Amino acid sequence: MLNYEEELKKFKPSLEAEEIEDAVYQEDLSDMTDLLKQAMEQKK
């Protein structure tokens, strides 16, 4: 039978998830507002 307390002590969060979070926050992503601003500037 599994000892859940022991398994929880061994648990380590995935570094991959943390790396993805950092990459998302560092990336300059366009949102809908940015796209609309670009479209309006091109129209002028």
PDB file of N, CA and C in Angstrom:
ATOM      1  N   MET A   1       0.843  -1.185   0.000  1.00  0.00           N
ATOM      2  CA  MET A   1       0.000   0.000   0.000  1.00  0.00           C
ATOM      3  C   MET A   1       0.890   1.251   0.000  1.00  0.00           C
ATOM      4  N   LEU A   2       0.428   2.291  -0.682  1.00  0.00           N
ATOM      5  CA  LEU A   2       1.196   3.524  -0.772  1.00  0.00           C
ATOM      6  C   LEU A   2       1.133   4.319   0.526  1.00  0.00           C
ATOM      7  N   ASN A   3       2.266   4.855   0.887  1.00  0.00           N
ATOM      8  CA  ASN A   3       2.322   5.769   2.031  1.00  0.00           C
ATOM      9  C   ASN A   3       2.330   7.183   1.450  1.00  0.00           C
ATOM     10  N   TYR A   4       1.174   7.829   1.472  1.00  0.00           N
ATOM     11  CA  TYR A   4       1.027   9.125   0.825  1.00  0.00           C
ATOM     12  C   TYR A   4       1.895  10.200   1.472  1.00  0.00           C
ATOM     13  N   GLU A   5       2.096  10.121   2.738  1.00  0.00           N
ATOM     14  CA  GLU A   5       2.942  11.110   3.414  1.00  0.00           C
ATOM     15  C   GLU A   5       4.372  11.029   2.894  1.00  0.00           C
ATOM     16  N   GLU A   6       4.889   9.833   2.710  1.00  0.00           N
ATOM     17  CA  GLU A   6       6.248   9.655   2.199  1.00  0.00           C
ATOM     18  C   GLU A   6       6.335  10.111   0.744  1.00  0.00           C
ATOM     19  N   GLU A   7       5.317   9.797  -0.029  1.00  0.00           N
ATOM     20  CA  GLU A   7       5.320  10.212  -1.436  1.00  0.00           C
ATOM     21  C   GLU A   7       5.275  11.732  -1.557  1.00  0.00           C
ATOM     22  N   LEU A   8       4.518  12.403  -0.716  1.00  0.00           N
ATOM     23  CA  LEU A   8       4.464  13.863  -0.741  1.00  0.00           C
ATOM     24  C   LEU A   8       5.803  14.488  -0.372  1.00  0.00           C
ATOM     25  N   LYS A   9       6.538  13.853   0.523  1.00  0.00           N
ATOM     26  CA  LYS A   9       7.858  14.362   0.893  1.00  0.00           C
ATOM     27  C   LYS A   9       8.827  14.278  -0.277  1.00  0.00           C
ATOM     28  N   LYS A  10       8.655  13.293  -1.153  1.00  0.00           N
ATOM     29  CA  LYS A  10       9.536  13.102  -2.312  1.00  0.00           C
ATOM     30  C   LYS A  10       9.166  14.025  -3.471  1.00  0.00           C
ATOM     31  N   PHE A  11       7.978  14.585  -3.437  1.00  0.00           N
ATOM     32  CA  PHE A  11       7.477  15.372  -4.562  1.00  0.00           C
ATOM     33  C   PHE A  11       8.321  16.617  -4.790  1.00  0.00           C
ATOM     34  N   LYS A  12       8.675  16.848  -6.058  1.00  0.00           N
ATOM     35  CA  LYS A  12       9.371  18.065  -6.464  1.00  0.00           C
ATOM     36  C   LYS A  12       8.644  18.609  -7.687  1.00  0.00           C
ATOM     37  N   PRO A  13       8.284  19.892  -7.677  1.00  0.00           N
ATOM     38  CA  PRO A  13       7.577  20.445  -8.841  1.00  0.00           C
ATOM     39  C   PRO A  13       8.440  20.393 -10.094  1.00  0.00           C
ATOM     40  N   SER A  14       7.794  20.270 -11.200  1.00  0.00           N
ATOM     41  CA  SER A  14       8.494  20.206 -12.476  1.00  0.00           C
ATOM     42  C   SER A  14       9.170  21.544 -12.766  1.00  0.00           C
ATOM     43  N   LEU A  15      10.445  21.499 -13.083  1.00  0.00           N
ATOM     44  CA  LEU A  15      11.153  22.722 -13.468  1.00  0.00           C
ATOM     45  C   LEU A  15      10.626  23.241 -14.794  1.00  0.00           C
ATOM     46  N   GLU A  16      10.134  22.337 -15.612  1.00  0.00           N
ATOM     47  CA  GLU A  16       9.619  22.728 -16.912  1.00  0.00           C
ATOM     48  C   GLU A  16       8.475  23.742 -16.764  1.00  0.00           C
ATOM     49  N   ALA A  17       7.600  23.532 -15.811  1.00  0.00           N
ATOM     50  CA  ALA A  17       6.483  24.465 -15.602  1.00  0.00           C
ATOM     51  C   ALA A  17       7.007  25.839 -15.204  1.00  0.00           C
ATOM     52  N   GLU A  18       8.002  25.885 -14.348  1.00  0.00           N
ATOM     53  CA  GLU A  18       8.576  27.166 -13.945  1.00  0.00           C
ATOM     54  C   GLU A  18       9.261  27.848 -15.124  1.00  0.00           C
ATOM     55  N   GLU A  19       9.930  27.087 -15.953  1.00  0.00           N
ATOM     56  CA  GLU A  19      10.594  27.653 -17.123  1.00  0.00           C
ATOM     57  C   GLU A  19       9.580  28.240 -18.090  1.00  0.00           C
ATOM     58  N   ILE A  20       8.455  27.559 -18.254  1.00  0.00           N
ATOM     59  CA  ILE A  20       7.411  28.068 -19.146  1.00  0.00           C
ATOM     60  C   ILE A  20       6.849  29.371 -18.606  1.00  0.00           C
ATOM     61  N   GLU A  21       6.610  29.418 -17.305  1.00  0.00           N
ATOM     62  CA  GLU A  21       6.081  30.630 -16.686  1.00  0.00           C
ATOM     63  C   GLU A  21       7.030  31.807 -16.906  1.00  0.00           C
ATOM     64  N   ASP A  22       8.319  31.598 -16.697  1.00  0.00           N
ATOM     65  CA  ASP A  22       9.302  32.666 -16.904  1.00  0.00           C
ATOM     66  C   ASP A  22       9.315  33.116 -18.354  1.00  0.00           C
ATOM     67  N   ALA A  23       9.265  32.171 -19.274  1.00  0.00           N
ATOM     68  CA  ALA A  23       9.303  32.516 -20.693  1.00  0.00           C
ATOM     69  C   ALA A  23       8.084  33.331 -21.097  1.00  0.00           C
ATOM     70  N   VAL A  24       6.925  32.992 -20.564  1.00  0.00           N
ATOM     71  CA  VAL A  24       5.705  33.723 -20.900  1.00  0.00           C
ATOM     72  C   VAL A  24       5.787  35.150 -20.390  1.00  0.00           C
ATOM     73  N   TYR A  25       6.258  35.325 -19.159  1.00  0.00           N
ATOM     74  CA  TYR A  25       6.337  36.677 -18.603  1.00  0.00           C
ATOM     75  C   TYR A  25       7.407  37.520 -19.294  1.00  0.00           C
ATOM     76  N   GLN A  26       8.455  36.905 -19.796  1.00  0.00           N
ATOM     77  CA  GLN A  26       9.527  37.650 -20.449  1.00  0.00           C
ATOM     78  C   GLN A  26       9.208  37.969 -21.907  1.00  0.00           C
ATOM     79  N   GLU A  27       8.355  37.186 -22.512  1.00  0.00           N
ATOM     80  CA  GLU A  27       8.034  37.361 -23.936  1.00  0.00           C
ATOM     81  C   GLU A  27       7.087  38.546 -24.104  1.00  0.00           C
ATOM     82  N   ASP A  28       7.343  39.342 -25.122  1.00  0.00           N
ATOM     83  CA  ASP A  28       6.473  40.469 -25.427  1.00  0.00           C
ATOM     84  C   ASP A  28       5.386  39.969 -26.373  1.00  0.00           C
ATOM     85  N   LEU A  29       4.284  39.539 -25.793  1.00  0.00           N
ATOM     86  CA  LEU A  29       3.201  38.964 -26.583  1.00  0.00           C
ATOM     87  C   LEU A  29       2.188  40.033 -26.964  1.00  0.00           C
ATOM     88  N   SER A  30       1.710  39.966 -28.179  1.00  0.00           N
ATOM     89  CA  SER A  30       0.674  40.892 -28.624  1.00  0.00           C
ATOM     90  C   SER A  30      -0.675  40.394 -28.140  1.00  0.00           C
ATOM     91  N   ASP A  31      -1.500  41.323 -27.670  1.00  0.00           N
ATOM     92  CA  ASP A  31      -2.862  40.960 -27.328  1.00  0.00           C
ATOM     93  C   ASP A  31      -3.796  41.645 -28.323  1.00  0.00           C
ATOM     94  N   MET A  32      -5.065  41.479 -28.141  1.00  0.00           N
ATOM     95  CA  MET A  32      -6.036  42.021 -29.096  1.00  0.00           C
ATOM     96  C   MET A  32      -5.925  43.541 -29.194  1.00  0.00           C
ATOM     97  N   THR A  33      -5.663  44.216 -28.083  1.00  0.00           N
ATOM     98  CA  THR A  33      -5.525  45.671 -28.102  1.00  0.00           C
ATOM     99  C   THR A  33      -4.354  46.093 -28.981  1.00  0.00           C
ATOM    100  N   ASP A  34      -3.230  45.402 -28.853  1.00  0.00           N
ATOM    101  CA  ASP A  34      -2.057  45.715 -29.677  1.00  0.00           C
ATOM    102  C   ASP A  34      -2.369  45.514 -31.161  1.00  0.00           C
ATOM    103  N   LEU A  35      -3.067  44.438 -31.468  1.00  0.00           N
ATOM    104  CA  LEU A  35      -3.401  44.156 -32.866  1.00  0.00           C
ATOM    105  C   LEU A  35      -4.345  45.213 -33.433  1.00  0.00           C
ATOM    106  N   LEU A  36      -5.306  45.655 -32.635  1.00  0.00           N
ATOM    107  CA  LEU A  36      -6.229  46.709 -33.107  1.00  0.00           C
ATOM    108  C   LEU A  36      -5.495  48.029 -33.316  1.00  0.00           C
ATOM    109  N   LYS A  37      -4.565  48.356 -32.410  1.00  0.00           N
ATOM    110  CA  LYS A  37      -3.780  49.586 -32.577  1.00  0.00           C
ATOM    111  C   LYS A  37      -2.975  49.531 -33.863  1.00  0.00           C
ATOM    112  N   GLN A  38      -2.359  48.395 -34.140  1.00  0.00           N
ATOM    113  CA  GLN A  38      -1.572  48.257 -35.366  1.00  0.00           C
ATOM    114  C   GLN A  38      -2.454  48.402 -36.599  1.00  0.00           C
ATOM    115  N   ALA A  39      -3.630  47.818 -36.565  1.00  0.00           N
ATOM    116  CA  ALA A  39      -4.550  47.908 -37.699  1.00  0.00           C
ATOM    117  C   ALA A  39      -4.985  49.353 -37.924  1.00  0.00           C
ATOM    118  N   MET A  40      -5.259  50.084 -36.840  1.00  0.00           N
ATOM    119  CA  MET A  40      -5.675  51.484 -36.975  1.00  0.00           C
ATOM    120  C   MET A  40      -4.534  52.341 -37.520  1.00  0.00           C
ATOM    121  N   GLU A  41      -3.300  52.079 -37.100  1.00  0.00           N
ATOM    122  CA  GLU A  41      -2.148  52.837 -37.596  1.00  0.00           C
ATOM    123  C   GLU A  41      -1.914  52.562 -39.060  1.00  0.00           C
ATOM    124  N   GLN A  42      -2.098  51.326 -39.486  1.00  0.00           N
ATOM    125  CA  GLN A  42      -1.901  50.980 -40.890  1.00  0.00           C
ATOM    126  C   GLN A  42      -2.988  51.612 -41.761  1.00  0.00           C
ATOM    127  N   LYS A  43      -4.187  51.779 -41.201  1.00  0.00           N
ATOM    128  CA  LYS A  43      -5.290  52.349 -41.955  1.00  0.00           C
ATOM    129  C   LYS A  43      -5.072  53.836 -42.242  1.00  0.00           C
ATOM    130  N   LYS A  44      -4.348  54.521 -41.341  1.00  0.00           N
ATOM    131  CA  LYS A  44      -4.113  55.971 -41.493  1.00  0.00           C
ATOM    132  C   LYS A  44      -3.219  56.283 -42.624  1.00  0.00           C
TER     133      LYS A  44
END
